[in-house]
Amino acid sequence: MSSVDNRERKLLLEVARLAVTAAVERRESLLALPQDADAALVSFGGAFVTLHRGRRLRGCIGQIASSESLVEVVAYCAKAAALEDPRFRPVQPEELSEIEIELSILSRPAEIPPERIEAGRHGLMVSQGWRRGVLLPQVAAEFQWTAERLLEETCIKAGFERDAWKDAETKIQAFTAEVFRESDFRAEARASSGPAQPGYSTST
């Protein structure tokens, strides 16, 4: 996945917001991109959509690799994060105004030796056969984990023993993520508007 610029980030966040709203309000979400849509948005890619309500996680669903376009993956994962994360009850319409959306746009996962893992930079996927566990890069950064702790926690996420990453049968893959959220652009808009001029009111 190539880097997405600010305009593409805003578009992906808008797609996610529309998908969440439509899903929660039980409306059909019709997604149509113009034929000249940016290549980054219609290329194959992986993404996670994370919903926060205040400081609390409210849902998180993603796809590591997909045969669908990035924008379609974002729309699908946004809907699933709102309604299908088994850890939470479905988001309710009255919560929509309090939900903030965060997107993680993923690079393609590639096998990596444990000693080359950088906690906070790399997300991990560990797998044995059809069973796998995934943790995003920002999780290790948030909890200040070492690379070994990240490996252990990803194994636990997969339902393995914490030291299963040492097993020759365990496949370890790493990926990076571009992470952005709706509040990034609200802050940008406030900064670009500048301070209110004396004698003028900013209220409506």
Foldseek 3Di string as FASTA:
>chain_A
DDDDDPVRVVVLQVLLLQLLLCLQVVHDDDDDDDPPPDPQQFDWFKKKKWKDQVPHTQFIDIDGTDPGGNSVRSSVNSSCRQPPRVVHHHHHNVRSVRIKIKMWTKDHWDFDDLVPDAQLFKWKWKDAPPFIFTDASVVCVVVVHGSLQNQQVRCVRSVHHSPCVVPPRMTMIIMGIDMDIPVVVVVVVVVVVDDDDPPDDPDD
